[in-house]
Amino acid sequence: MGSGVCDINETMYFDPDEWAMRNSEAGVWKVGAEVFSKGGGGDTDDEGLTAQVKRNSHLTVDASPEPVSKGRTITVTGRGTRADWETRKYASYGGRLMSL
């Protein structure tokens, strides 16, 4: 059996109906990884691994006037909201700089 490198990119989704999480739990988590090979081999790496846990967010935007004319100024307005794990609703995320 040969040796090699295994790169893994994993995404986890937390359902607030299944997990009672507080907003303060968002951030960097220490994590461990365990890999099992076909044939019974494996490896565990639990030192120095981290994962960024983020709350979901939504951004809605609208541009005016419509229709837009070439060379004319348009105004873009929008609203940002972020998941509040404690209320299980999206809450305003105002007063912050957002980029389109």
PDB file of N, CA and C in Angstrom:
ATOM      1  N   MET A   1       0.848  -1.180   0.000  1.00  0.00           N
ATOM      2  CA  MET A   1       0.000   0.000   0.000  1.00  0.00           C
ATOM      3  C   MET A   1       0.889   1.238   0.000  1.00  0.00           C
ATOM      4  N   GLY A   2       0.607   2.207  -0.867  1.00  0.00           N
ATOM      5  CA  GLY A   2       1.402   3.424  -0.966  1.00  0.00           C
ATOM      6  C   GLY A   2       0.968   4.475   0.018  1.00  0.00           C
ATOM      7  N   SER A   3       1.760   5.516   0.119  1.00  0.00           N
ATOM      8  CA  SER A   3       1.411   6.631   0.983  1.00  0.00           C
ATOM      9  C   SER A   3       1.073   7.825   0.112  1.00  0.00           C
ATOM     10  N   GLY A   4       0.421   8.815   0.680  1.00  0.00           N
ATOM     11  CA  GLY A   4       0.049   9.996  -0.086  1.00  0.00           C
ATOM     12  C   GLY A   4      -0.496  11.079   0.809  1.00  0.00           C
ATOM     13  N   VAL A   5      -0.988  12.089   0.176  1.00  0.00           N
ATOM     14  CA  VAL A   5      -1.565  13.236   0.879  1.00  0.00           C
ATOM     15  C   VAL A   5      -3.047  13.284   0.561  1.00  0.00           C
ATOM     16  N   CYS A   6      -3.831  13.556   1.550  1.00  0.00           N
ATOM     17  CA  CYS A   6      -5.276  13.638   1.375  1.00  0.00           C
ATOM     18  C   CYS A   6      -5.741  15.018   1.817  1.00  0.00           C
ATOM     19  N   ASP A   7      -6.281  15.801   0.895  1.00  0.00           N
ATOM     20  CA  ASP A   7      -6.846  17.112   1.217  1.00  0.00           C
ATOM     21  C   ASP A   7      -8.359  16.981   1.290  1.00  0.00           C
ATOM     22  N   ILE A   8      -8.932  17.472   2.365  1.00  0.00           N
ATOM     23  CA  ILE A   8     -10.377  17.374   2.568  1.00  0.00           C
ATOM     24  C   ILE A   8     -10.933  18.771   2.822  1.00  0.00           C
ATOM     25  N   ASN A   9     -12.011  19.091   2.142  1.00  0.00           N
ATOM     26  CA  ASN A   9     -12.733  20.344   2.363  1.00  0.00           C
ATOM     27  C   ASN A   9     -14.134  19.960   2.803  1.00  0.00           C
ATOM     28  N   GLU A  10     -14.477  20.225   4.040  1.00  0.00           N
ATOM     29  CA  GLU A  10     -15.751  19.800   4.601  1.00  0.00           C
ATOM     30  C   GLU A  10     -16.580  21.004   5.001  1.00  0.00           C
ATOM     31  N   THR A  11     -17.875  20.961   4.712  1.00  0.00           N
ATOM     32  CA  THR A  11     -18.812  22.000   5.125  1.00  0.00           C
ATOM     33  C   THR A  11     -19.858  21.357   6.023  1.00  0.00           C
ATOM     34  N   MET A  12     -20.094  21.947   7.190  1.00  0.00           N
ATOM     35  CA  MET A  12     -21.112  21.455   8.108  1.00  0.00           C
ATOM     36  C   MET A  12     -22.199  22.516   8.233  1.00  0.00           C
ATOM     37  N   TYR A  13     -23.431  22.069   8.308  1.00  0.00           N
ATOM     38  CA  TYR A  13     -24.568  22.971   8.489  1.00  0.00           C
ATOM     39  C   TYR A  13     -25.242  22.638   9.811  1.00  0.00           C
ATOM     40  N   PHE A  14     -25.521  23.686  10.598  1.00  0.00           N
ATOM     41  CA  PHE A  14     -26.173  23.507  11.886  1.00  0.00           C
ATOM     42  C   PHE A  14     -27.619  23.940  11.765  1.00  0.00           C
ATOM     43  N   ASP A  15     -28.539  23.057  12.071  1.00  0.00           N
ATOM     44  CA  ASP A  15     -29.967  23.357  12.041  1.00  0.00           C
ATOM     45  C   ASP A  15     -30.381  23.795  13.439  1.00  0.00           C
ATOM     46  N   PRO A  16     -30.832  25.064  13.585  1.00  0.00           N
ATOM     47  CA  PRO A  16     -31.194  25.539  14.928  1.00  0.00           C
ATOM     48  C   PRO A  16     -32.347  24.761  15.553  1.00  0.00           C
ATOM     49  N   ASP A  17     -33.119  24.027  14.738  1.00  0.00           N
ATOM     50  CA  ASP A  17     -34.178  23.197  15.312  1.00  0.00           C
ATOM     51  C   ASP A  17     -33.615  21.927  15.938  1.00  0.00           C
ATOM     52  N   GLU A  18     -32.403  21.551  15.543  1.00  0.00           N
ATOM     53  CA  GLU A  18     -31.765  20.349  16.070  1.00  0.00           C
ATOM     54  C   GLU A  18     -30.707  20.659  17.130  1.00  0.00           C
ATOM     55  N   TRP A  19     -30.057  21.821  17.021  1.00  0.00           N
ATOM     56  CA  TRP A  19     -28.956  22.200  17.909  1.00  0.00           C
ATOM     57  C   TRP A  19     -29.330  23.475  18.651  1.00  0.00           C
ATOM     58  N   ALA A  20     -29.253  23.459  19.971  1.00  0.00           N
ATOM     59  CA  ALA A  20     -29.526  24.648  20.771  1.00  0.00           C
ATOM     60  C   ALA A  20     -28.222  25.433  20.907  1.00  0.00           C
ATOM     61  N   MET A  21     -27.945  26.309  19.938  1.00  0.00           N
ATOM     62  CA  MET A  21     -26.682  27.055  19.937  1.00  0.00           C
ATOM     63  C   MET A  21     -26.925  28.506  20.303  1.00  0.00           C
ATOM     64  N   ARG A  22     -25.948  29.106  20.981  1.00  0.00           N
ATOM     65  CA  ARG A  22     -25.979  30.529  21.316  1.00  0.00           C
ATOM     66  C   ARG A  22     -25.185  31.289  20.255  1.00  0.00           C
ATOM     67  N   ASN A  23     -25.535  32.544  20.020  1.00  0.00           N
ATOM     68  CA  ASN A  23     -24.825  33.374  19.047  1.00  0.00           C
ATOM     69  C   ASN A  23     -23.343  33.480  19.372  1.00  0.00           C
ATOM     70  N   SER A  24     -23.022  33.466  20.651  1.00  0.00           N
ATOM     71  CA  SER A  24     -21.626  33.594  21.073  1.00  0.00           C
ATOM     72  C   SER A  24     -20.776  32.385  20.656  1.00  0.00           C
ATOM     73  N   GLU A  25     -21.407  31.306  20.237  1.00  0.00           N
ATOM     74  CA  GLU A  25     -20.659  30.124  19.818  1.00  0.00           C
ATOM     75  C   GLU A  25     -20.101  30.244  18.402  1.00  0.00           C
ATOM     76  N   ALA A  26     -20.511  31.263  17.658  1.00  0.00           N
ATOM     77  CA  ALA A  26     -19.918  31.490  16.340  1.00  0.00           C
ATOM     78  C   ALA A  26     -18.476  31.936  16.538  1.00  0.00           C
ATOM     79  N   GLY A  27     -17.610  31.540  15.633  1.00  0.00           N
ATOM     80  CA  GLY A  27     -16.199  31.911  15.733  1.00  0.00           C
ATOM     81  C   GLY A  27     -15.305  30.734  15.404  1.00  0.00           C
ATOM     82  N   VAL A  28     -14.096  30.767  15.899  1.00  0.00           N
ATOM     83  CA  VAL A  28     -13.124  29.715  15.605  1.00  0.00           C
ATOM     84  C   VAL A  28     -13.298  28.568  16.603  1.00  0.00           C
ATOM     85  N   TRP A  29     -13.451  27.371  16.072  1.00  0.00           N
ATOM     86  CA  TRP A  29     -13.556  26.157  16.885  1.00  0.00           C
ATOM     87  C   TRP A  29     -12.298  25.326  16.693  1.00  0.00           C
ATOM     88  N   LYS A  30     -11.859  24.678  17.751  1.00  0.00           N
ATOM     89  CA  LYS A  30     -10.788  23.689  17.640  1.00  0.00           C
ATOM     90  C   LYS A  30     -11.444  22.374  17.226  1.00  0.00           C
ATOM     91  N   VAL A  31     -10.873  21.733  16.222  1.00  0.00           N
ATOM     92  CA  VAL A  31     -11.458  20.490  15.719  1.00  0.00           C
ATOM     93  C   VAL A  31     -10.386  19.421  15.574  1.00  0.00           C
ATOM     94  N   GLY A  32     -10.814  18.186  15.456  1.00  0.00           N
ATOM     95  CA  GLY A  32      -9.916  17.069  15.208  1.00  0.00           C
ATOM     96  C   GLY A  32     -10.391  16.317  13.977  1.00  0.00           C
ATOM     97  N   ALA A  33      -9.499  15.591  13.374  1.00  0.00           N
ATOM     98  CA  ALA A  33      -9.839  14.813  12.183  1.00  0.00           C
ATOM     99  C   ALA A  33      -9.333  13.393  12.350  1.00  0.00           C
ATOM    100  N   GLU A  34     -10.138  12.465  11.887  1.00  0.00           N
ATOM    101  CA  GLU A  34      -9.761  11.068  11.923  1.00  0.00           C
ATOM    102  C   GLU A  34     -10.055  10.480  10.550  1.00  0.00           C
ATOM    103  N   VAL A  35      -9.065   9.802   9.966  1.00  0.00           N
ATOM    104  CA  VAL A  35      -9.195   9.250   8.621  1.00  0.00           C
ATOM    105  C   VAL A  35      -8.991   7.745   8.690  1.00  0.00           C
ATOM    106  N   PHE A  36      -9.893   7.004   8.037  1.00  0.00           N
ATOM    107  CA  PHE A  36      -9.790   5.557   7.968  1.00  0.00           C
ATOM    108  C   PHE A  36      -9.570   5.156   6.521  1.00  0.00           C
ATOM    109  N   SER A  37      -8.597   4.301   6.293  1.00  0.00           N
ATOM    110  CA  SER A  37      -8.279   3.823   4.949  1.00  0.00           C
ATOM    111  C   SER A  37      -8.944   2.483   4.695  1.00  0.00           C
ATOM    112  N   LYS A  38      -9.255   2.241   3.441  1.00  0.00           N
ATOM    113  CA  LYS A  38      -9.775   0.937   3.056  1.00  0.00           C
ATOM    114  C   LYS A  38      -8.694  -0.089   3.373  1.00  0.00           C
ATOM    115  N   GLY A  39      -9.029  -1.129   4.054  1.00  0.00           N
ATOM    116  CA  GLY A  39      -8.049  -2.135   4.438  1.00  0.00           C
ATOM    117  C   GLY A  39      -7.624  -2.034   5.891  1.00  0.00           C
ATOM    118  N   GLY A  40      -8.138  -1.057   6.614  1.00  0.00           N
ATOM    119  CA  GLY A  40      -7.903  -1.011   8.045  1.00  0.00           C
ATOM    120  C   GLY A  40      -6.925   0.017   8.556  1.00  0.00           C
ATOM    121  N   GLY A  41      -6.171   0.700   7.704  1.00  0.00           N
ATOM    122  CA  GLY A  41      -5.248   1.727   8.180  1.00  0.00           C
ATOM    123  C   GLY A  41      -5.982   2.996   8.556  1.00  0.00           C
ATOM    124  N   GLY A  42      -5.260   3.966   9.077  1.00  0.00           N
ATOM    125  CA  GLY A  42      -5.886   5.233   9.417  1.00  0.00           C
ATOM    126  C   GLY A  42      -4.921   6.186  10.066  1.00  0.00           C
ATOM    127  N   ASP A  43      -5.420   7.370  10.363  1.00  0.00           N
ATOM    128  CA  ASP A  43      -4.602   8.402  10.988  1.00  0.00           C
ATOM    129  C   ASP A  43      -5.514   9.348  11.742  1.00  0.00           C
ATOM    130  N   THR A  44      -5.021   9.888  12.836  1.00  0.00           N
ATOM    131  CA  THR A  44      -5.752  10.883  13.609  1.00  0.00           C
ATOM    132  C   THR A  44      -4.888  12.123  13.730  1.00  0.00           C
ATOM    133  N   ASP A  45      -5.473  13.270  13.454  1.00  0.00           N
ATOM    134  CA  ASP A  45      -4.767  14.548  13.602  1.00  0.00           C
ATOM    135  C   ASP A  45      -5.668  15.466  14.409  1.00  0.00           C
ATOM    136  N   ASP A  46      -5.302  15.688  15.646  1.00  0.00           N
ATOM    137  CA  ASP A  46      -6.147  16.518  16.504  1.00  0.00           C
ATOM    138  C   ASP A  46      -5.381  17.688  17.099  1.00  0.00           C
ATOM    139  N   GLU A  47      -4.272  18.060  16.478  1.00  0.00           N
ATOM    140  CA  GLU A  47      -3.480  19.157  17.015  1.00  0.00           C
ATOM    141  C   GLU A  47      -3.458  20.335  16.047  1.00  0.00           C
ATOM    142  N   GLY A  48      -3.870  21.485  16.519  1.00  0.00           N
ATOM    143  CA  GLY A  48      -3.749  22.711  15.740  1.00  0.00           C
ATOM    144  C   GLY A  48      -4.763  22.888  14.631  1.00  0.00           C
ATOM    145  N   LEU A  49      -5.795  22.036  14.571  1.00  0.00           N
ATOM    146  CA  LEU A  49      -6.812  22.202  13.544  1.00  0.00           C
ATOM    147  C   LEU A  49      -7.900  23.140  14.043  1.00  0.00           C
ATOM    148  N   THR A  50      -8.373  24.027  13.166  1.00  0.00           N
ATOM    149  CA  THR A  50      -9.459  24.945  13.522  1.00  0.00           C
ATOM    150  C   THR A  50     -10.479  24.991  12.399  1.00  0.00           C
ATOM    151  N   ALA A  51     -11.692  25.396  12.732  1.00  0.00           N
ATOM    152  CA  ALA A  51     -12.767  25.597  11.763  1.00  0.00           C
ATOM    153  C   ALA A  51     -13.480  26.900  12.125  1.00  0.00           C
ATOM    154  N   GLN A  52     -13.858  27.677  11.121  1.00  0.00           N
ATOM    155  CA  GLN A  52     -14.594  28.927  11.328  1.00  0.00           C
ATOM    156  C   GLN A  52     -16.085  28.618  11.264  1.00  0.00           C
ATOM    157  N   VAL A  53     -16.804  28.814  12.364  1.00  0.00           N
ATOM    158  CA  VAL A  53     -18.246  28.584  12.425  1.00  0.00           C
ATOM    159  C   VAL A  53     -18.931  29.944  12.294  1.00  0.00           C
ATOM    160  N   LYS A  54     -19.760  30.080  11.257  1.00  0.00           N
ATOM    161  CA  LYS A  54     -20.399  31.359  10.951  1.00  0.00           C
ATOM    162  C   LYS A  54     -21.912  31.227  10.952  1.00  0.00           C
ATOM    163  N   ARG A  55     -22.567  32.324  11.330  1.00  0.00           N
ATOM    164  CA  ARG A  55     -24.021  32.379  11.211  1.00  0.00           C
ATOM    165  C   ARG A  55     -24.368  32.811   9.788  1.00  0.00           C
ATOM    166  N   ASN A  56     -25.421  32.243   9.245  1.00  0.00           N
ATOM    167  CA  ASN A  56     -25.849  32.565   7.886  1.00  0.00           C
ATOM    168  C   ASN A  56     -26.324  34.022   7.807  1.00  0.00           C
ATOM    169  N   SER A  57     -26.150  34.636   6.642  1.00  0.00           N
ATOM    170  CA  SER A  57     -26.603  36.014   6.449  1.00  0.00           C
ATOM    171  C   SER A  57     -27.266  36.152   5.089  1.00  0.00           C
ATOM    172  N   HIS A  58     -28.098  37.175   4.978  1.00  0.00           N
ATOM    173  CA  HIS A  58     -28.789  37.498   3.728  1.00  0.00           C
ATOM    174  C   HIS A  58     -28.546  38.970   3.402  1.00  0.00           C
ATOM    175  N   LEU A  59     -28.411  39.270   2.137  1.00  0.00           N
ATOM    176  CA  LEU A  59     -28.278  40.647   1.673  1.00  0.00           C
ATOM    177  C   LEU A  59     -29.242  40.835   0.515  1.00  0.00           C
ATOM    178  N   THR A  60     -30.154  41.805   0.641  1.00  0.00           N
ATOM    179  CA  THR A  60     -31.067  42.131  -0.450  1.00  0.00           C
ATOM    180  C   THR A  60     -30.742  43.533  -0.928  1.00  0.00           C
ATOM    181  N   VAL A  61     -30.741  43.738  -2.237  1.00  0.00           N
ATOM    182  CA  VAL A  61     -30.409  45.044  -2.801  1.00  0.00           C
ATOM    183  C   VAL A  61     -31.397  45.401  -3.907  1.00  0.00           C
ATOM    184  N   ASP A  62     -31.509  46.695  -4.168  1.00  0.00           N
ATOM    185  CA  ASP A  62     -32.337  47.201  -5.258  1.00  0.00           C
ATOM    186  C   ASP A  62     -31.652  48.433  -5.820  1.00  0.00           C
ATOM    187  N   ALA A  63     -31.698  48.580  -7.112  1.00  0.00           N
ATOM    188  CA  ALA A  63     -31.102  49.738  -7.776  1.00  0.00           C
ATOM    189  C   ALA A  63     -32.210  50.586  -8.386  1.00  0.00           C
ATOM    190  N   SER A  64     -32.040  51.899  -8.352  1.00  0.00           N
ATOM    191  CA  SER A  64     -33.014  52.801  -8.968  1.00  0.00           C
ATOM    192  C   SER A  64     -32.255  53.989  -9.563  1.00  0.00           C
ATOM    193  N   PRO A  65     -32.792  54.689 -10.537  1.00  0.00           N
ATOM    194  CA  PRO A  65     -34.112  54.466 -11.141  1.00  0.00           C
ATOM    195  C   PRO A  65     -34.088  53.284 -12.102  1.00  0.00           C
ATOM    196  N   GLU A  66     -35.270  52.803 -12.414  1.00  0.00           N
ATOM    197  CA  GLU A  66     -35.406  51.751 -13.412  1.00  0.00           C
ATOM    198  C   GLU A  66     -36.278  52.287 -14.530  1.00  0.00           C
ATOM    199  N   PRO A  67     -35.938  52.120 -15.752  1.00  0.00           N
ATOM    200  CA  PRO A  67     -34.738  51.449 -16.233  1.00  0.00           C
ATOM    201  C   PRO A  67     -33.510  52.331 -16.056  1.00  0.00           C
ATOM    202  N   VAL A  68     -32.357  51.686 -15.971  1.00  0.00           N
ATOM    203  CA  VAL A  68     -31.092  52.390 -15.831  1.00  0.00           C
ATOM    204  C   VAL A  68     -30.662  52.897 -17.210  1.00  0.00           C
ATOM    205  N   SER A  69     -30.185  54.132 -17.262  1.00  0.00           N
ATOM    206  CA  SER A  69     -29.706  54.709 -18.520  1.00  0.00           C
ATOM    207  C   SER A  69     -28.195  54.801 -18.488  1.00  0.00           C
ATOM    208  N   LYS A  70     -27.558  54.473 -19.602  1.00  0.00           N
ATOM    209  CA  LYS A  70     -26.104  54.513 -19.704  1.00  0.00           C
ATOM    210  C   LYS A  70     -25.589  55.910 -19.373  1.00  0.00           C
ATOM    211  N   GLY A  71     -24.552  55.960 -18.519  1.00  0.00           N
ATOM    212  CA  GLY A  71     -23.933  57.230 -18.159  1.00  0.00           C
ATOM    213  C   GLY A  71     -24.660  57.992 -17.061  1.00  0.00           C
ATOM    214  N   ARG A  72     -25.770  57.478 -16.563  1.00  0.00           N
ATOM    215  CA  ARG A  72     -26.538  58.151 -15.506  1.00  0.00           C
ATOM    216  C   ARG A  72     -26.214  57.543 -14.141  1.00  0.00           C
ATOM    217  N   THR A  73     -26.458  58.291 -13.090  1.00  0.00           N
ATOM    218  CA  THR A  73     -26.223  57.838 -11.722  1.00  0.00           C
ATOM    219  C   THR A  73     -27.345  56.911 -11.278  1.00  0.00           C
ATOM    220  N   ILE A  74     -26.958  55.833 -10.579  1.00  0.00           N
ATOM    221  CA  ILE A  74     -27.953  54.960  -9.963  1.00  0.00           C
ATOM    222  C   ILE A  74     -27.712  54.934  -8.454  1.00  0.00           C
ATOM    223  N   THR A  75     -28.742  54.639  -7.727  1.00  0.00           N
ATOM    224  CA  THR A  75     -28.664  54.494  -6.277  1.00  0.00           C
ATOM    225  C   THR A  75     -28.983  53.051  -5.928  1.00  0.00           C
ATOM    226  N   VAL A  76     -28.106  52.437  -5.135  1.00  0.00           N
ATOM    227  CA  VAL A  76     -28.313  51.059  -4.692  1.00  0.00           C
ATOM    228  C   VAL A  76     -28.603  51.087  -3.198  1.00  0.00           C
ATOM    229  N   THR A  77     -29.722  50.503  -2.809  1.00  0.00           N
ATOM    230  CA  THR A  77     -30.083  50.392  -1.395  1.00  0.00           C
ATOM    231  C   THR A  77     -30.209  48.921  -1.056  1.00  0.00           C
ATOM    232  N   GLY A  78     -30.072  48.604   0.211  1.00  0.00           N
ATOM    233  CA  GLY A  78     -30.173  47.208   0.592  1.00  0.00           C
ATOM    234  C   GLY A  78     -30.367  47.022   2.072  1.00  0.00           C
ATOM    235  N   ARG A  79     -30.508  45.768   2.435  1.00  0.00           N
ATOM    236  CA  ARG A  79     -30.699  45.412   3.833  1.00  0.00           C
ATOM    237  C   ARG A  79     -29.930  44.125   4.110  1.00  0.00           C
ATOM    238  N   GLY A  80     -29.151  44.147   5.169  1.00  0.00           N
ATOM    239  CA  GLY A  80     -28.426  42.958   5.589  1.00  0.00           C
ATOM    240  C   GLY A  80     -29.045  42.386   6.846  1.00  0.00           C
ATOM    241  N   THR A  81     -29.236  41.066   6.872  1.00  0.00           N
ATOM    242  CA  THR A  81     -29.735  40.382   8.063  1.00  0.00           C
ATOM    243  C   THR A  81     -28.828  39.184   8.341  1.00  0.00           C
ATOM    244  N   ARG A  82     -28.801  38.786   9.595  1.00  0.00           N
ATOM    245  CA  ARG A  82     -27.978  37.650   9.987  1.00  0.00           C
ATOM    246  C   ARG A  82     -28.799  36.737  10.897  1.00  0.00           C
ATOM    247  N   ALA A  83     -28.555  35.433  10.779  1.00  0.00           N
ATOM    248  CA  ALA A  83     -29.278  34.458  11.589  1.00  0.00           C
ATOM    249  C   ALA A  83     -28.990  34.688  13.064  1.00  0.00           C
ATOM    250  N   ASP A  84     -30.039  34.707  13.851  1.00  0.00           N
ATOM    251  CA  ASP A  84     -29.923  34.776  15.301  1.00  0.00           C
ATOM    252  C   ASP A  84     -30.280  33.386  15.814  1.00  0.00           C
ATOM    253  N   TRP A  85     -29.271  32.626  16.250  1.00  0.00           N
ATOM    254  CA  TRP A  85     -29.501  31.249  16.662  1.00  0.00           C
ATOM    255  C   TRP A  85     -30.384  31.145  17.893  1.00  0.00           C
ATOM    256  N   GLU A  86     -30.430  32.192  18.703  1.00  0.00           N
ATOM    257  CA  GLU A  86     -31.187  32.121  19.947  1.00  0.00           C
ATOM    258  C   GLU A  86     -32.676  32.370  19.738  1.00  0.00           C
ATOM    259  N   THR A  87     -33.034  33.232  18.767  1.00  0.00           N
ATOM    260  CA  THR A  87     -34.444  33.491  18.480  1.00  0.00           C
ATOM    261  C   THR A  87     -34.937  32.674  17.294  1.00  0.00           C
ATOM    262  N   ARG A  88     -33.996  32.046  16.564  1.00  0.00           N
ATOM    263  CA  ARG A  88     -34.296  31.263  15.355  1.00  0.00           C
ATOM    264  C   ARG A  88     -34.957  32.114  14.277  1.00  0.00           C
ATOM    265  N   LYS A  89     -34.530  33.383  14.188  1.00  0.00           N
ATOM    266  CA  LYS A  89     -35.024  34.310  13.174  1.00  0.00           C
ATOM    267  C   LYS A  89     -33.835  35.072  12.608  1.00  0.00           C
ATOM    268  N   TYR A  90     -34.058  35.771  11.508  1.00  0.00           N
ATOM    269  CA  TYR A  90     -33.039  36.669  10.964  1.00  0.00           C
ATOM    270  C   TYR A  90     -33.237  38.046  11.561  1.00  0.00           C
ATOM    271  N   ALA A  91     -32.147  38.658  12.030  1.00  0.00           N
ATOM    272  CA  ALA A  91     -32.198  39.966  12.673  1.00  0.00           C
ATOM    273  C   ALA A  91     -31.423  40.968  11.830  1.00  0.00           C
ATOM    274  N   SER A  92     -31.797  42.234  11.929  1.00  0.00           N
ATOM    275  CA  SER A  92     -31.121  43.297  11.190  1.00  0.00           C
ATOM    276  C   SER A  92     -29.632  43.302  11.506  1.00  0.00           C
ATOM    277  N   TYR A  93     -28.849  43.546  10.484  1.00  0.00           N
ATOM    278  CA  TYR A  93     -27.395  43.601  10.622  1.00  0.00           C
ATOM    279  C   TYR A  93     -26.930  44.973  10.166  1.00  0.00           C
ATOM    280  N   GLY A  94     -27.646  46.001  10.596  1.00  0.00           N
ATOM    281  CA  GLY A  94     -27.400  47.364  10.145  1.00  0.00           C
ATOM    282  C   GLY A  94     -26.169  48.003  10.781  1.00  0.00           C
ATOM    283  N   GLY A  95     -25.784  49.142  10.214  1.00  0.00           N
ATOM    284  CA  GLY A  95     -24.675  49.904  10.751  1.00  0.00           C
ATOM    285  C   GLY A  95     -23.310  49.326  10.429  1.00  0.00           C
ATOM    286  N   ARG A  96     -23.252  48.451   9.426  1.00  0.00           N
ATOM    287  CA  ARG A  96     -21.977  47.823   9.056  1.00  0.00           C
ATOM    288  C   ARG A  96     -21.719  48.063   7.579  1.00  0.00           C
ATOM    289  N   LEU A  97     -20.450  48.090   7.219  1.00  0.00           N
ATOM    290  CA  LEU A  97     -20.058  48.253   5.836  1.00  0.00           C
ATOM    291  C   LEU A  97     -20.190  46.924   5.095  1.00  0.00           C
ATOM    292  N   MET A  98     -20.905  46.933   3.978  1.00  0.00           N
ATOM    293  CA  MET A  98     -21.062  45.734   3.174  1.00  0.00           C
ATOM    294  C   MET A  98     -20.615  46.051   1.758  1.00  0.00           C
ATOM    295  N   SER A  99     -20.029  45.086   1.100  1.00  0.00           N
ATOM    296  CA  SER A  99     -19.545  45.273  -0.271  1.00  0.00           C
ATOM    297  C   SER A  99     -20.353  44.420  -1.223  1.00  0.00           C
ATOM    298  N   LEU A 100     -20.594  44.966  -2.390  1.00  0.00           N
ATOM    299  CA  LEU A 100     -21.290  44.195  -3.445  1.00  0.00           C
ATOM    300  C   LEU A 100     -20.256  43.681  -4.422  1.00  0.00           C
TER     301      LEU A 100
END
